[in-house]
Amino acid sequence: MKLMKATQFRTRYFEKGSEPDMKTLKKCIEEGELPGQRIGTIYYVDLDRLKVSNNPLVNKVLAA
């Protein structure tokens, strides 16, 4: 399991100015729409389970 803080996920995977609000990311993680978990008060995205595209090879490269 490869975890990334949700705040870092926002800046790495979204263009500046188009990032989702942290409240939205937290809700997506809590509802299972985005793979991740909460540890203490910090939310993390599970990059190993994240599917960015329908192509498994692309997902594997992007998760590396």
N, C-alpha and C. Protein backbone atom coordinates (compact mmCIF):
# COMPACT_ATOMS: atom_id res chain seq x y z
N MET A 1 0.85 -1.17 0.00
CA MET A 1 0.00 0.00 0.00
C MET A 1 0.90 1.24 0.00
N LYS A 2 0.71 2.08 -0.99
CA LYS A 2 1.49 3.30 -1.14
C LYS A 2 0.56 4.48 -0.87
N LEU A 3 0.75 5.15 0.27
CA LEU A 3 -0.14 6.23 0.67
C LEU A 3 0.49 7.60 0.40
N MET A 4 -0.35 8.54 -0.02
CA MET A 4 0.07 9.92 -0.23
C MET A 4 -0.94 10.81 0.48
N LYS A 5 -0.44 11.82 1.19
CA LYS A 5 -1.36 12.75 1.85
C LYS A 5 -2.28 13.36 0.80
N ALA A 6 -3.53 13.54 1.19
CA ALA A 6 -4.52 14.09 0.27
C ALA A 6 -4.13 15.49 -0.21
N THR A 7 -3.47 16.26 0.65
CA THR A 7 -3.03 17.61 0.24
C THR A 7 -1.99 17.52 -0.87
N GLN A 8 -1.09 16.56 -0.78
CA GLN A 8 -0.07 16.37 -1.82
C GLN A 8 -0.71 15.83 -3.10
N PHE A 9 -1.70 14.94 -2.94
CA PHE A 9 -2.41 14.38 -4.08
C PHE A 9 -3.06 15.49 -4.91
N ARG A 10 -3.65 16.46 -4.22
CA ARG A 10 -4.29 17.59 -4.92
C ARG A 10 -3.31 18.33 -5.82
N THR A 11 -2.13 18.63 -5.29
CA THR A 11 -1.18 19.42 -6.06
C THR A 11 -0.48 18.62 -7.14
N ARG A 12 -0.35 17.32 -6.94
CA ARG A 12 0.37 16.49 -7.91
C ARG A 12 -0.51 16.06 -9.09
N TYR A 13 -1.78 15.77 -8.83
CA TYR A 13 -2.64 15.20 -9.87
C TYR A 13 -3.60 16.19 -10.51
N PHE A 14 -3.62 17.44 -10.05
CA PHE A 14 -4.53 18.43 -10.62
C PHE A 14 -3.76 19.70 -10.97
N GLU A 15 -4.20 20.36 -12.02
CA GLU A 15 -3.61 21.63 -12.43
C GLU A 15 -3.93 22.70 -11.39
N LYS A 16 -3.00 23.63 -11.24
CA LYS A 16 -3.21 24.73 -10.30
C LYS A 16 -4.48 25.50 -10.69
N GLY A 17 -5.33 25.71 -9.73
CA GLY A 17 -6.59 26.40 -9.96
C GLY A 17 -7.75 25.46 -10.22
N SER A 18 -7.48 24.19 -10.50
CA SER A 18 -8.56 23.24 -10.76
C SER A 18 -8.62 22.13 -9.71
N GLU A 19 -7.84 22.29 -8.64
CA GLU A 19 -7.82 21.26 -7.59
C GLU A 19 -9.16 21.21 -6.87
N PRO A 20 -9.61 20.01 -6.51
CA PRO A 20 -10.83 19.92 -5.71
C PRO A 20 -10.57 20.43 -4.29
N ASP A 21 -11.60 20.88 -3.65
CA ASP A 21 -11.52 21.34 -2.28
C ASP A 21 -11.17 20.16 -1.37
N MET A 22 -10.45 20.42 -0.28
CA MET A 22 -10.09 19.34 0.64
C MET A 22 -11.33 18.68 1.22
N LYS A 23 -12.38 19.44 1.44
CA LYS A 23 -13.62 18.87 1.95
C LYS A 23 -14.17 17.82 0.98
N THR A 24 -14.06 18.12 -0.31
CA THR A 24 -14.52 17.19 -1.34
C THR A 24 -13.66 15.92 -1.35
N LEU A 25 -12.34 16.08 -1.26
CA LEU A 25 -11.46 14.91 -1.24
C LEU A 25 -11.75 14.03 -0.02
N LYS A 26 -11.92 14.65 1.13
CA LYS A 26 -12.21 13.89 2.35
C LYS A 26 -13.51 13.11 2.21
N LYS A 27 -14.52 13.75 1.65
CA LYS A 27 -15.80 13.09 1.45
C LYS A 27 -15.66 11.90 0.49
N CYS A 28 -14.91 12.09 -0.59
CA CYS A 28 -14.69 11.01 -1.56
C CYS A 28 -13.97 9.83 -0.92
N ILE A 29 -13.02 10.08 -0.05
CA ILE A 29 -12.31 9.01 0.64
C ILE A 29 -13.25 8.31 1.61
N GLU A 30 -14.01 9.07 2.38
CA GLU A 30 -14.93 8.49 3.36
C GLU A 30 -16.01 7.65 2.70
N GLU A 31 -16.47 8.06 1.52
CA GLU A 31 -17.55 7.34 0.83
C GLU A 31 -17.03 6.26 -0.11
N GLY A 32 -15.70 6.11 -0.20
CA GLY A 32 -15.13 5.04 -1.01
C GLY A 32 -15.02 5.36 -2.49
N GLU A 33 -15.31 6.59 -2.88
CA GLU A 33 -15.19 6.97 -4.28
C GLU A 33 -13.73 7.14 -4.69
N LEU A 34 -12.89 7.43 -3.72
CA LEU A 34 -11.46 7.58 -3.92
C LEU A 34 -10.77 6.65 -2.93
N PRO A 35 -9.90 5.75 -3.41
CA PRO A 35 -9.27 4.82 -2.47
C PRO A 35 -8.35 5.54 -1.50
N GLY A 36 -8.56 5.30 -0.24
CA GLY A 36 -7.73 5.95 0.76
C GLY A 36 -8.23 5.67 2.15
N GLN A 37 -7.64 6.36 3.10
CA GLN A 37 -8.04 6.17 4.49
C GLN A 37 -7.65 7.38 5.31
N ARG A 38 -8.25 7.44 6.48
CA ARG A 38 -7.94 8.50 7.44
C ARG A 38 -7.12 7.87 8.55
N ILE A 39 -5.99 8.47 8.84
CA ILE A 39 -5.16 8.03 9.95
C ILE A 39 -5.02 9.23 10.88
N GLY A 40 -5.63 9.13 12.04
CA GLY A 40 -5.68 10.28 12.94
C GLY A 40 -6.55 11.35 12.31
N THR A 41 -5.96 12.51 12.09
CA THR A 41 -6.72 13.61 11.47
C THR A 41 -6.30 13.85 10.02
N ILE A 42 -5.40 13.01 9.51
CA ILE A 42 -4.86 13.20 8.16
C ILE A 42 -5.47 12.18 7.20
N TYR A 43 -5.87 12.66 6.03
CA TYR A 43 -6.42 11.79 4.99
C TYR A 43 -5.33 11.44 3.99
N TYR A 44 -5.34 10.18 3.57
CA TYR A 44 -4.36 9.68 2.62
C TYR A 44 -5.07 9.02 1.44
N VAL A 45 -4.47 9.12 0.26
CA VAL A 45 -4.96 8.45 -0.94
C VAL A 45 -4.07 7.24 -1.17
N ASP A 46 -4.67 6.08 -1.41
CA ASP A 46 -3.93 4.85 -1.68
C ASP A 46 -3.61 4.80 -3.17
N LEU A 47 -2.38 5.12 -3.52
CA LEU A 47 -1.99 5.19 -4.92
C LEU A 47 -1.98 3.83 -5.61
N ASP A 48 -1.78 2.76 -4.85
CA ASP A 48 -1.78 1.42 -5.45
C ASP A 48 -3.15 1.03 -5.96
N ARG A 49 -4.19 1.53 -5.32
CA ARG A 49 -5.56 1.19 -5.73
C ARG A 49 -6.20 2.24 -6.62
N LEU A 50 -5.49 3.33 -6.84
CA LEU A 50 -6.03 4.43 -7.64
C LEU A 50 -6.01 4.06 -9.12
N LYS A 51 -7.15 4.19 -9.77
CA LYS A 51 -7.23 3.97 -11.21
C LYS A 51 -7.41 5.31 -11.87
N VAL A 52 -6.43 5.70 -12.64
CA VAL A 52 -6.47 6.98 -13.31
C VAL A 52 -7.06 6.85 -14.71
N SER A 53 -6.89 5.69 -15.31
CA SER A 53 -7.45 5.48 -16.65
C SER A 53 -7.99 4.06 -16.74
N ASN A 54 -8.57 3.72 -17.88
CA ASN A 54 -9.09 2.38 -18.10
C ASN A 54 -8.00 1.41 -18.56
N ASN A 55 -6.80 1.92 -18.79
CA ASN A 55 -5.69 1.10 -19.24
C ASN A 55 -4.83 0.70 -18.04
N PRO A 56 -4.77 -0.60 -17.69
CA PRO A 56 -4.00 -1.03 -16.52
C PRO A 56 -2.51 -0.68 -16.61
N LEU A 57 -1.96 -0.69 -17.80
CA LEU A 57 -0.55 -0.34 -17.96
C LEU A 57 -0.31 1.13 -17.63
N VAL A 58 -1.19 1.99 -18.09
CA VAL A 58 -1.09 3.42 -17.78
C VAL A 58 -1.20 3.64 -16.28
N ASN A 59 -2.15 2.97 -15.65
CA ASN A 59 -2.32 3.10 -14.20
C ASN A 59 -1.07 2.67 -13.44
N LYS A 60 -0.44 1.60 -13.90
CA LYS A 60 0.75 1.10 -13.24
C LYS A 60 1.90 2.09 -13.37
N VAL A 61 2.05 2.68 -14.53
CA VAL A 61 3.11 3.66 -14.75
C VAL A 61 2.86 4.91 -13.91
N LEU A 62 1.62 5.39 -13.88
CA LEU A 62 1.31 6.60 -13.12
C LEU A 62 1.43 6.39 -11.62
N ALA A 63 1.24 5.17 -11.14
CA ALA A 63 1.33 4.89 -9.70
C ALA A 63 2.77 4.76 -9.26
N ALA A 64 3.72 4.59 -10.21
CA ALA A 64 5.13 4.40 -9.85
C ALA A 64 5.78 5.70 -9.42
